[in-house]
Amino acid sequence: MPAICKITKEAIIKKAVVMVNKKGWESINARDLAKALKISTKPLYRIYKNMDEIKNDMYKEIYKQYDEFITSRVDNKKALITLCVAYVEFAKNYKNLFISLFLSNNLKWKSVDDVLNEKWNQGAIINLVNKQGYTFEEAKELFMHVWLYANGLATLIATNKIDIDDKEIIVRIVKIYKTLEK
């Protein structure tokens, strides 16, 4: 009688995300994932039809971790600043996860409106309207300029082009915000 495999989707995805964090999205394949789980590839394919399904669940898990990271750091009193700082810190602390989400073919954004319509981004824009007195259009404009700066900084950090400490991240985001605010 063959041994019963007790591997779960959750265990597969948890291990895959750890692997992505260490070596990057492109490093994930069935053989290496099975080896890391100490199983053959057969149990993977009993649970999932193919690697695309595994990668789809990996992406969802990475996005969930990003969402939790942002949730733990955004302060509604300064939503735009704290969101942008958290975004850059995620890139610094989880370079390969950041790259997998925002600098890969996994990215679902195809336009500026897609960026503006993200849950966290909408929250920061509405916060500018409600707490800072901006019109919705002014808030979107300010958000986009500050976020684009933060995105550039995050990208440079995640791709190892620059090294910057947490204090300097905050100083730079606050400085660009103050330069652009009305």
N, C-alpha and C. Protein backbone atom coordinates (compact mmCIF):
# COMPACT_ATOMS: atom_id res chain seq x y z
N MET A 1 0.85 -1.18 0.00
CA MET A 1 0.00 0.00 0.00
C MET A 1 0.89 1.24 0.00
N PRO A 2 0.65 2.19 -0.90
CA PRO A 2 1.48 3.39 -0.95
C PRO A 2 1.24 4.29 0.26
N ALA A 3 2.28 5.02 0.63
CA ALA A 3 2.15 5.97 1.75
C ALA A 3 1.18 7.08 1.36
N ILE A 4 0.43 7.52 2.33
CA ILE A 4 -0.52 8.61 2.10
C ILE A 4 0.20 9.94 2.31
N CYS A 5 0.10 10.78 1.31
CA CYS A 5 0.75 12.09 1.38
C CYS A 5 -0.18 13.04 2.11
N LYS A 6 0.35 13.71 3.11
CA LYS A 6 -0.46 14.63 3.89
C LYS A 6 -0.12 16.08 3.62
N ILE A 7 0.41 16.32 2.46
CA ILE A 7 0.76 17.70 2.09
C ILE A 7 -0.52 18.46 1.76
N THR A 8 -0.53 19.74 2.11
CA THR A 8 -1.71 20.56 1.85
C THR A 8 -1.36 21.72 0.92
N LYS A 9 -2.40 22.32 0.35
CA LYS A 9 -2.19 23.52 -0.47
C LYS A 9 -1.47 24.58 0.34
N GLU A 10 -1.90 24.76 1.57
CA GLU A 10 -1.31 25.80 2.43
C GLU A 10 0.18 25.56 2.63
N ALA A 11 0.56 24.30 2.87
CA ALA A 11 1.98 23.99 3.08
C ALA A 11 2.78 24.22 1.80
N ILE A 12 2.20 23.86 0.67
CA ILE A 12 2.88 24.06 -0.61
C ILE A 12 3.12 25.55 -0.84
N ILE A 13 2.08 26.34 -0.66
CA ILE A 13 2.18 27.77 -0.94
C ILE A 13 3.09 28.46 0.08
N LYS A 14 3.00 28.07 1.33
CA LYS A 14 3.88 28.66 2.35
C LYS A 14 5.35 28.43 1.99
N LYS A 15 5.68 27.22 1.61
CA LYS A 15 7.06 26.90 1.24
C LYS A 15 7.47 27.63 -0.05
N ALA A 16 6.55 27.69 -1.01
CA ALA A 16 6.86 28.37 -2.27
C ALA A 16 7.14 29.85 -2.03
N VAL A 17 6.37 30.49 -1.17
CA VAL A 17 6.58 31.91 -0.89
C VAL A 17 7.92 32.13 -0.18
N VAL A 18 8.28 31.23 0.72
CA VAL A 18 9.59 31.31 1.36
C VAL A 18 10.69 31.21 0.30
N MET A 19 10.50 30.31 -0.64
CA MET A 19 11.49 30.16 -1.72
C MET A 19 11.56 31.41 -2.59
N VAL A 20 10.41 31.99 -2.91
CA VAL A 20 10.40 33.22 -3.70
C VAL A 20 11.13 34.32 -2.95
N ASN A 21 10.86 34.45 -1.66
CA ASN A 21 11.50 35.49 -0.86
C ASN A 21 13.02 35.33 -0.86
N LYS A 22 13.50 34.09 -0.87
CA LYS A 22 14.95 33.86 -0.87
C LYS A 22 15.59 34.00 -2.24
N LYS A 23 14.93 33.44 -3.28
CA LYS A 23 15.60 33.35 -4.58
C LYS A 23 14.86 34.01 -5.73
N GLY A 24 13.66 34.50 -5.52
CA GLY A 24 12.93 35.16 -6.59
C GLY A 24 11.89 34.27 -7.26
N TRP A 25 10.97 34.93 -7.92
CA TRP A 25 9.82 34.27 -8.57
C TRP A 25 10.27 33.24 -9.60
N GLU A 26 11.24 33.59 -10.39
CA GLU A 26 11.67 32.73 -11.49
C GLU A 26 12.35 31.44 -11.00
N SER A 27 12.71 31.40 -9.73
CA SER A 27 13.39 30.21 -9.21
C SER A 27 12.42 29.07 -8.89
N ILE A 28 11.14 29.33 -8.93
CA ILE A 28 10.16 28.32 -8.54
C ILE A 28 9.83 27.39 -9.70
N ASN A 29 10.07 26.09 -9.44
CA ASN A 29 9.65 25.05 -10.38
C ASN A 29 9.21 23.84 -9.55
N ALA A 30 8.50 22.93 -10.18
CA ALA A 30 7.92 21.79 -9.46
C ALA A 30 8.99 20.94 -8.77
N ARG A 31 10.07 20.69 -9.46
CA ARG A 31 11.12 19.81 -8.89
C ARG A 31 11.73 20.42 -7.63
N ASP A 32 12.11 21.71 -7.70
CA ASP A 32 12.73 22.35 -6.53
C ASP A 32 11.73 22.54 -5.39
N LEU A 33 10.50 22.85 -5.73
CA LEU A 33 9.47 22.99 -4.71
C LEU A 33 9.22 21.66 -4.01
N ALA A 34 9.10 20.60 -4.77
CA ALA A 34 8.91 19.27 -4.17
C ALA A 34 10.09 18.89 -3.29
N LYS A 35 11.29 19.18 -3.78
CA LYS A 35 12.50 18.88 -2.99
C LYS A 35 12.48 19.64 -1.67
N ALA A 36 12.11 20.91 -1.70
CA ALA A 36 12.05 21.72 -0.48
C ALA A 36 10.99 21.19 0.50
N LEU A 37 9.93 20.62 -0.06
CA LEU A 37 8.86 20.05 0.77
C LEU A 37 9.16 18.61 1.20
N LYS A 38 10.25 18.06 0.66
CA LYS A 38 10.67 16.68 0.94
C LYS A 38 9.62 15.67 0.47
N ILE A 39 9.12 15.93 -0.74
CA ILE A 39 8.16 15.04 -1.38
C ILE A 39 8.56 14.89 -2.85
N SER A 40 7.89 14.00 -3.55
CA SER A 40 8.07 13.92 -5.00
C SER A 40 7.14 14.95 -5.64
N THR A 41 7.23 15.11 -6.92
CA THR A 41 6.35 16.06 -7.61
C THR A 41 4.92 15.53 -7.72
N LYS A 42 4.71 14.24 -7.57
CA LYS A 42 3.37 13.67 -7.72
C LYS A 42 2.34 14.29 -6.78
N PRO A 43 2.65 14.46 -5.49
CA PRO A 43 1.65 15.09 -4.62
C PRO A 43 1.30 16.52 -5.03
N LEU A 44 2.28 17.23 -5.58
CA LEU A 44 1.99 18.58 -6.06
C LEU A 44 0.90 18.53 -7.13
N TYR A 45 1.04 17.57 -8.03
CA TYR A 45 0.12 17.49 -9.15
C TYR A 45 -1.17 16.74 -8.82
N ARG A 46 -1.24 16.16 -7.64
CA ARG A 46 -2.53 15.65 -7.16
C ARG A 46 -3.38 16.80 -6.63
N ILE A 47 -2.70 17.78 -6.07
CA ILE A 47 -3.39 18.93 -5.47
C ILE A 47 -3.63 20.02 -6.50
N TYR A 48 -2.66 20.25 -7.35
CA TYR A 48 -2.74 21.29 -8.39
C TYR A 48 -2.64 20.64 -9.77
N LYS A 49 -3.32 21.23 -10.74
CA LYS A 49 -3.26 20.72 -12.12
C LYS A 49 -1.90 20.97 -12.74
N ASN A 50 -1.32 22.15 -12.43
CA ASN A 50 -0.07 22.52 -13.08
C ASN A 50 0.62 23.63 -12.27
N MET A 51 1.80 24.02 -12.72
CA MET A 51 2.56 25.07 -12.03
C MET A 51 1.87 26.42 -12.11
N ASP A 52 1.12 26.67 -13.16
CA ASP A 52 0.39 27.94 -13.26
C ASP A 52 -0.59 28.11 -12.10
N GLU A 53 -1.26 27.03 -11.74
CA GLU A 53 -2.19 27.10 -10.60
C GLU A 53 -1.43 27.36 -9.30
N ILE A 54 -0.30 26.72 -9.13
CA ILE A 54 0.53 26.94 -7.94
C ILE A 54 0.97 28.40 -7.91
N LYS A 55 1.44 28.90 -9.02
CA LYS A 55 1.93 30.28 -9.07
C LYS A 55 0.80 31.28 -8.86
N ASN A 56 -0.38 30.96 -9.30
CA ASN A 56 -1.53 31.83 -9.05
C ASN A 56 -1.79 31.93 -7.54
N ASP A 57 -1.76 30.80 -6.85
CA ASP A 57 -1.95 30.82 -5.40
C ASP A 57 -0.77 31.48 -4.69
N MET A 58 0.43 31.31 -5.23
CA MET A 58 1.60 31.99 -4.65
C MET A 58 1.42 33.49 -4.73
N TYR A 59 1.00 33.97 -5.89
CA TYR A 59 0.79 35.41 -6.07
C TYR A 59 -0.24 35.93 -5.07
N LYS A 60 -1.34 35.20 -4.91
CA LYS A 60 -2.37 35.61 -3.95
C LYS A 60 -1.81 35.68 -2.53
N GLU A 61 -0.98 34.72 -2.17
CA GLU A 61 -0.39 34.70 -0.83
C GLU A 61 0.60 35.85 -0.65
N ILE A 62 1.40 36.12 -1.64
CA ILE A 62 2.34 37.23 -1.55
C ILE A 62 1.58 38.54 -1.42
N TYR A 63 0.51 38.69 -2.20
CA TYR A 63 -0.31 39.91 -2.11
C TYR A 63 -0.94 40.02 -0.72
N LYS A 64 -1.39 38.90 -0.17
CA LYS A 64 -1.96 38.90 1.19
C LYS A 64 -0.91 39.36 2.20
N GLN A 65 0.31 38.86 2.08
CA GLN A 65 1.37 39.28 2.99
C GLN A 65 1.68 40.76 2.83
N TYR A 66 1.68 41.24 1.59
CA TYR A 66 1.88 42.67 1.35
C TYR A 66 0.76 43.47 2.01
N ASP A 67 -0.46 43.04 1.82
CA ASP A 67 -1.62 43.72 2.39
C ASP A 67 -1.52 43.79 3.92
N GLU A 68 -1.12 42.69 4.54
CA GLU A 68 -0.95 42.66 6.00
C GLU A 68 0.17 43.61 6.43
N PHE A 69 1.24 43.64 5.67
CA PHE A 69 2.36 44.53 5.96
C PHE A 69 1.89 45.98 5.92
N ILE A 70 1.18 46.34 4.87
CA ILE A 70 0.68 47.72 4.72
C ILE A 70 -0.31 48.04 5.83
N THR A 71 -1.24 47.12 6.10
CA THR A 71 -2.25 47.33 7.14
C THR A 71 -1.60 47.65 8.48
N SER A 72 -0.52 46.99 8.78
CA SER A 72 0.13 47.18 10.07
C SER A 72 0.87 48.51 10.18
N ARG A 73 1.03 49.22 9.06
CA ARG A 73 1.84 50.43 9.07
C ARG A 73 1.12 51.73 8.70
N VAL A 74 -0.02 51.63 8.04
CA VAL A 74 -0.70 52.85 7.60
C VAL A 74 -1.41 53.51 8.78
N ASP A 75 -1.16 54.79 8.93
CA ASP A 75 -1.79 55.62 9.96
C ASP A 75 -2.78 56.54 9.24
N ASN A 76 -4.05 56.44 9.59
CA ASN A 76 -5.07 57.22 8.90
C ASN A 76 -4.89 58.73 9.04
N LYS A 77 -4.13 59.18 10.03
CA LYS A 77 -3.88 60.61 10.16
C LYS A 77 -2.94 61.11 9.07
N LYS A 78 -2.07 60.22 8.60
CA LYS A 78 -1.09 60.56 7.55
C LYS A 78 -1.06 59.42 6.53
N ALA A 79 -2.20 59.10 5.97
CA ALA A 79 -2.33 57.89 5.15
C ALA A 79 -1.38 57.87 3.96
N LEU A 80 -1.28 58.96 3.21
CA LEU A 80 -0.43 58.96 2.02
C LEU A 80 1.03 58.76 2.39
N ILE A 81 1.49 59.50 3.36
CA ILE A 81 2.90 59.37 3.77
C ILE A 81 3.19 57.98 4.31
N THR A 82 2.35 57.49 5.22
CA THR A 82 2.63 56.18 5.82
C THR A 82 2.46 55.05 4.81
N LEU A 83 1.53 55.20 3.87
CA LEU A 83 1.38 54.19 2.81
C LEU A 83 2.64 54.14 1.95
N CYS A 84 3.11 55.29 1.53
CA CYS A 84 4.30 55.33 0.67
C CYS A 84 5.55 54.84 1.41
N VAL A 85 5.68 55.21 2.66
CA VAL A 85 6.82 54.72 3.46
C VAL A 85 6.75 53.20 3.59
N ALA A 86 5.56 52.68 3.89
CA ALA A 86 5.39 51.23 4.02
C ALA A 86 5.70 50.51 2.71
N TYR A 87 5.27 51.09 1.61
CA TYR A 87 5.53 50.52 0.29
C TYR A 87 7.04 50.38 0.05
N VAL A 88 7.78 51.43 0.37
CA VAL A 88 9.23 51.42 0.19
C VAL A 88 9.86 50.43 1.18
N GLU A 89 9.38 50.41 2.42
CA GLU A 89 9.92 49.47 3.41
C GLU A 89 9.66 48.03 3.00
N PHE A 90 8.51 47.75 2.41
CA PHE A 90 8.25 46.39 1.92
C PHE A 90 9.28 46.02 0.86
N ALA A 91 9.57 46.93 -0.04
CA ALA A 91 10.58 46.69 -1.07
C ALA A 91 11.95 46.42 -0.45
N LYS A 92 12.25 47.13 0.61
CA LYS A 92 13.54 46.97 1.28
C LYS A 92 13.62 45.65 2.05
N ASN A 93 12.55 45.32 2.77
CA ASN A 93 12.56 44.14 3.63
C ASN A 93 12.26 42.84 2.90
N TYR A 94 11.54 42.92 1.80
CA TYR A 94 11.11 41.73 1.06
C TYR A 94 11.33 41.95 -0.44
N LYS A 95 12.58 42.13 -0.80
CA LYS A 95 12.92 42.52 -2.17
C LYS A 95 12.30 41.59 -3.22
N ASN A 96 12.47 40.31 -3.06
CA ASN A 96 11.97 39.39 -4.07
C ASN A 96 10.44 39.32 -4.10
N LEU A 97 9.80 39.48 -2.95
CA LEU A 97 8.34 39.52 -2.94
C LEU A 97 7.86 40.79 -3.64
N PHE A 98 8.52 41.92 -3.37
CA PHE A 98 8.18 43.18 -4.02
C PHE A 98 8.34 43.04 -5.54
N ILE A 99 9.45 42.49 -5.96
CA ILE A 99 9.70 42.30 -7.39
C ILE A 99 8.61 41.40 -7.99
N SER A 100 8.24 40.35 -7.28
CA SER A 100 7.21 39.43 -7.76
C SER A 100 5.86 40.12 -7.93
N LEU A 101 5.56 41.05 -7.04
CA LEU A 101 4.27 41.75 -7.12
C LEU A 101 4.29 42.89 -8.12
N PHE A 102 5.33 43.71 -8.07
CA PHE A 102 5.30 45.00 -8.76
C PHE A 102 6.25 45.16 -9.94
N LEU A 103 7.20 44.27 -10.09
CA LEU A 103 8.18 44.42 -11.17
C LEU A 103 8.25 43.17 -12.03
N SER A 104 7.11 42.56 -12.24
CA SER A 104 7.09 41.32 -13.01
C SER A 104 5.86 41.29 -13.90
N ASN A 105 5.75 40.23 -14.67
CA ASN A 105 4.57 40.04 -15.50
C ASN A 105 3.34 39.70 -14.68
N ASN A 106 3.50 39.52 -13.37
CA ASN A 106 2.36 39.25 -12.49
C ASN A 106 1.52 40.50 -12.26
N LEU A 107 2.12 41.66 -12.44
CA LEU A 107 1.44 42.91 -12.15
C LEU A 107 0.20 43.06 -13.02
N LYS A 108 -0.90 43.35 -12.36
CA LYS A 108 -2.18 43.46 -13.06
C LYS A 108 -2.46 44.88 -13.56
N TRP A 109 -1.69 45.85 -13.09
CA TRP A 109 -1.93 47.23 -13.49
C TRP A 109 -1.53 47.44 -14.95
N LYS A 110 -2.42 48.11 -15.67
CA LYS A 110 -2.14 48.43 -17.07
C LYS A 110 -2.23 49.92 -17.34
N SER A 111 -2.70 50.69 -16.32
CA SER A 111 -2.85 52.13 -16.50
C SER A 111 -2.71 52.83 -15.15
N VAL A 112 -2.60 54.14 -15.20
CA VAL A 112 -2.54 54.95 -13.98
C VAL A 112 -3.82 54.75 -13.16
N ASP A 113 -4.95 54.63 -13.84
CA ASP A 113 -6.21 54.40 -13.12
C ASP A 113 -6.19 53.11 -12.32
N ASP A 114 -5.53 52.08 -12.84
CA ASP A 114 -5.42 50.83 -12.09
C ASP A 114 -4.67 51.05 -10.78
N VAL A 115 -3.63 51.86 -10.82
CA VAL A 115 -2.88 52.18 -9.60
C VAL A 115 -3.78 52.94 -8.63
N LEU A 116 -4.45 53.96 -9.14
CA LEU A 116 -5.31 54.79 -8.30
C LEU A 116 -6.47 54.00 -7.69
N ASN A 117 -6.93 52.97 -8.36
CA ASN A 117 -8.08 52.21 -7.90
C ASN A 117 -7.75 51.10 -6.91
N GLU A 118 -6.49 50.86 -6.64
CA GLU A 118 -6.13 49.87 -5.62
C GLU A 118 -6.71 50.28 -4.27
N LYS A 119 -7.08 49.29 -3.48
CA LYS A 119 -7.73 49.52 -2.19
C LYS A 119 -6.97 50.51 -1.32
N TRP A 120 -5.69 50.26 -1.10
CA TRP A 120 -4.91 51.14 -0.22
C TRP A 120 -4.76 52.53 -0.81
N ASN A 121 -4.58 52.59 -2.09
CA ASN A 121 -4.39 53.87 -2.75
C ASN A 121 -5.67 54.70 -2.68
N GLN A 122 -6.81 54.06 -2.90
CA GLN A 122 -8.09 54.76 -2.78
C GLN A 122 -8.28 55.30 -1.36
N GLY A 123 -7.90 54.50 -0.37
CA GLY A 123 -8.00 54.94 1.02
C GLY A 123 -7.17 56.18 1.29
N ALA A 124 -5.96 56.21 0.74
CA ALA A 124 -5.09 57.37 0.95
C ALA A 124 -5.64 58.60 0.23
N ILE A 125 -6.20 58.41 -0.94
CA ILE A 125 -6.79 59.53 -1.70
C ILE A 125 -8.00 60.08 -0.94
N ILE A 126 -8.86 59.22 -0.49
CA ILE A 126 -10.06 59.66 0.25
C ILE A 126 -9.66 60.34 1.56
N ASN A 127 -8.59 59.84 2.17
CA ASN A 127 -8.07 60.46 3.38
C ASN A 127 -7.63 61.90 3.11
N LEU A 128 -6.98 62.13 1.98
CA LEU A 128 -6.56 63.49 1.61
C LEU A 128 -7.78 64.40 1.43
N VAL A 129 -8.83 63.87 0.89
CA VAL A 129 -10.07 64.64 0.70
C VAL A 129 -10.70 64.95 2.05
N ASN A 130 -10.88 63.94 2.87
CA ASN A 130 -11.60 64.09 4.14
C ASN A 130 -10.81 64.80 5.23
N LYS A 131 -9.52 64.57 5.31
CA LYS A 131 -8.73 65.11 6.42
C LYS A 131 -7.86 66.30 6.05
N GLN A 132 -7.58 66.45 4.75
CA GLN A 132 -6.67 67.53 4.33
C GLN A 132 -7.37 68.61 3.50
N GLY A 133 -8.62 68.37 3.13
CA GLY A 133 -9.38 69.38 2.41
C GLY A 133 -9.12 69.47 0.92
N TYR A 134 -8.51 68.45 0.33
CA TYR A 134 -8.28 68.45 -1.10
C TYR A 134 -9.57 68.06 -1.83
N THR A 135 -9.70 68.53 -3.07
CA THR A 135 -10.76 67.98 -3.92
C THR A 135 -10.31 66.59 -4.32
N PHE A 136 -11.23 65.79 -4.84
CA PHE A 136 -10.87 64.44 -5.24
C PHE A 136 -9.80 64.47 -6.33
N GLU A 137 -9.94 65.35 -7.29
CA GLU A 137 -8.95 65.45 -8.37
C GLU A 137 -7.59 65.90 -7.85
N GLU A 138 -7.58 66.87 -6.95
CA GLU A 138 -6.31 67.33 -6.34
C GLU A 138 -5.66 66.19 -5.55
N ALA A 139 -6.48 65.46 -4.82
CA ALA A 139 -5.97 64.35 -4.01
C ALA A 139 -5.36 63.27 -4.90
N LYS A 140 -6.03 62.93 -6.00
CA LYS A 140 -5.50 61.94 -6.93
C LYS A 140 -4.17 62.40 -7.52
N GLU A 141 -4.10 63.67 -7.86
CA GLU A 141 -2.87 64.23 -8.44
C GLU A 141 -1.72 64.18 -7.43
N LEU A 142 -1.97 64.63 -6.21
CA LEU A 142 -0.94 64.59 -5.17
C LEU A 142 -0.52 63.15 -4.89
N PHE A 143 -1.52 62.28 -4.75
CA PHE A 143 -1.21 60.88 -4.50
C PHE A 143 -0.28 60.33 -5.59
N MET A 144 -0.64 60.55 -6.83
CA MET A 144 0.13 59.97 -7.93
C MET A 144 1.56 60.48 -7.93
N HIS A 145 1.78 61.75 -7.69
CA HIS A 145 3.14 62.28 -7.69
C HIS A 145 3.97 61.71 -6.54
N VAL A 146 3.40 61.67 -5.35
CA VAL A 146 4.14 61.14 -4.20
C VAL A 146 4.36 59.64 -4.38
N TRP A 147 3.33 58.93 -4.83
CA TRP A 147 3.46 57.48 -5.02
C TRP A 147 4.49 57.15 -6.10
N LEU A 148 4.50 57.91 -7.19
CA LEU A 148 5.48 57.66 -8.24
C LEU A 148 6.91 57.83 -7.70
N TYR A 149 7.11 58.82 -6.86
CA TYR A 149 8.42 59.01 -6.23
C TYR A 149 8.75 57.79 -5.36
N ALA A 150 7.77 57.38 -4.53
CA ALA A 150 7.97 56.23 -3.65
C ALA A 150 8.23 54.97 -4.47
N ASN A 151 7.51 54.81 -5.57
CA ASN A 151 7.70 53.64 -6.42
C ASN A 151 9.11 53.61 -7.02
N GLY A 152 9.60 54.76 -7.43
CA GLY A 152 10.96 54.82 -7.95
C GLY A 152 11.99 54.45 -6.89
N LEU A 153 11.79 54.97 -5.70
CA LEU A 153 12.68 54.66 -4.58
C LEU A 153 12.62 53.16 -4.25
N ALA A 154 11.40 52.62 -4.18
CA ALA A 154 11.22 51.20 -3.87
C ALA A 154 11.87 50.32 -4.94
N THR A 155 11.71 50.70 -6.18
CA THR A 155 12.29 49.92 -7.27
C THR A 155 13.81 49.93 -7.21
N LEU A 156 14.40 51.08 -6.96
CA LEU A 156 15.85 51.17 -6.83
C LEU A 156 16.36 50.32 -5.67
N ILE A 157 15.63 50.32 -4.58
CA ILE A 157 16.02 49.52 -3.41
C ILE A 157 15.87 48.03 -3.70
N ALA A 158 14.72 47.63 -4.24
CA ALA A 158 14.46 46.21 -4.49
C ALA A 158 15.41 45.61 -5.50
N THR A 159 15.86 46.41 -6.44
CA THR A 159 16.78 45.90 -7.46
C THR A 159 18.25 46.11 -7.07
N ASN A 160 18.46 46.46 -5.80
CA ASN A 160 19.80 46.62 -5.25
C ASN A 160 20.62 47.73 -5.89
N LYS A 161 19.93 48.73 -6.41
CA LYS A 161 20.65 49.84 -7.02
C LYS A 161 21.09 50.86 -5.97
N ILE A 162 20.33 50.96 -4.88
CA ILE A 162 20.72 51.84 -3.78
C ILE A 162 20.41 51.16 -2.45
N ASP A 163 21.08 51.62 -1.42
CA ASP A 163 20.82 51.17 -0.05
C ASP A 163 20.47 52.41 0.75
N ILE A 164 19.41 52.32 1.51
CA ILE A 164 18.92 53.49 2.23
C ILE A 164 18.35 53.01 3.56
N ASP A 165 18.58 53.77 4.62
CA ASP A 165 18.05 53.34 5.92
C ASP A 165 16.61 53.83 6.10
N ASP A 166 15.93 53.25 7.07
CA ASP A 166 14.51 53.53 7.29
C ASP A 166 14.24 55.00 7.57
N LYS A 167 15.12 55.63 8.32
CA LYS A 167 14.93 57.05 8.65
C LYS A 167 14.98 57.91 7.38
N GLU A 168 15.91 57.60 6.49
CA GLU A 168 16.02 58.37 5.25
C GLU A 168 14.81 58.15 4.35
N ILE A 169 14.24 56.95 4.37
CA ILE A 169 13.02 56.69 3.59
C ILE A 169 11.93 57.65 4.04
N ILE A 170 11.73 57.75 5.34
CA ILE A 170 10.69 58.63 5.88
C ILE A 170 10.98 60.08 5.50
N VAL A 171 12.22 60.52 5.70
CA VAL A 171 12.59 61.90 5.40
C VAL A 171 12.32 62.23 3.94
N ARG A 172 12.69 61.33 3.05
CA ARG A 172 12.50 61.59 1.61
C ARG A 172 11.02 61.64 1.23
N ILE A 173 10.22 60.72 1.77
CA ILE A 173 8.78 60.71 1.44
C ILE A 173 8.11 61.97 1.99
N VAL A 174 8.43 62.33 3.23
CA VAL A 174 7.84 63.54 3.82
C VAL A 174 8.26 64.77 3.02
N LYS A 175 9.51 64.82 2.61
CA LYS A 175 10.02 65.97 1.86
C LYS A 175 9.29 66.13 0.53
N ILE A 176 9.09 65.05 -0.21
CA ILE A 176 8.40 65.16 -1.49
C ILE A 176 6.93 65.53 -1.26
N TYR A 177 6.33 64.98 -0.21
CA TYR A 177 4.94 65.32 0.10
C TYR A 177 4.81 66.81 0.39
N LYS A 178 5.69 67.32 1.26
CA LYS A 178 5.63 68.75 1.62
C LYS A 178 5.92 69.67 0.42
N THR A 179 6.77 69.22 -0.46
CA THR A 179 7.07 69.99 -1.67
C THR A 179 5.83 70.10 -2.58
N LEU A 180 5.04 69.05 -2.61
CA LEU A 180 3.91 69.00 -3.54
C LEU A 180 2.56 69.40 -2.95
N GLU A 181 2.45 69.42 -1.62
CA GLU A 181 1.15 69.73 -1.02
C GLU A 181 0.76 71.19 -1.28
N LYS A 182 -0.55 71.43 -1.19
CA LYS A 182 -1.01 72.79 -1.49
C LYS A 182 -0.81 73.73 -0.32
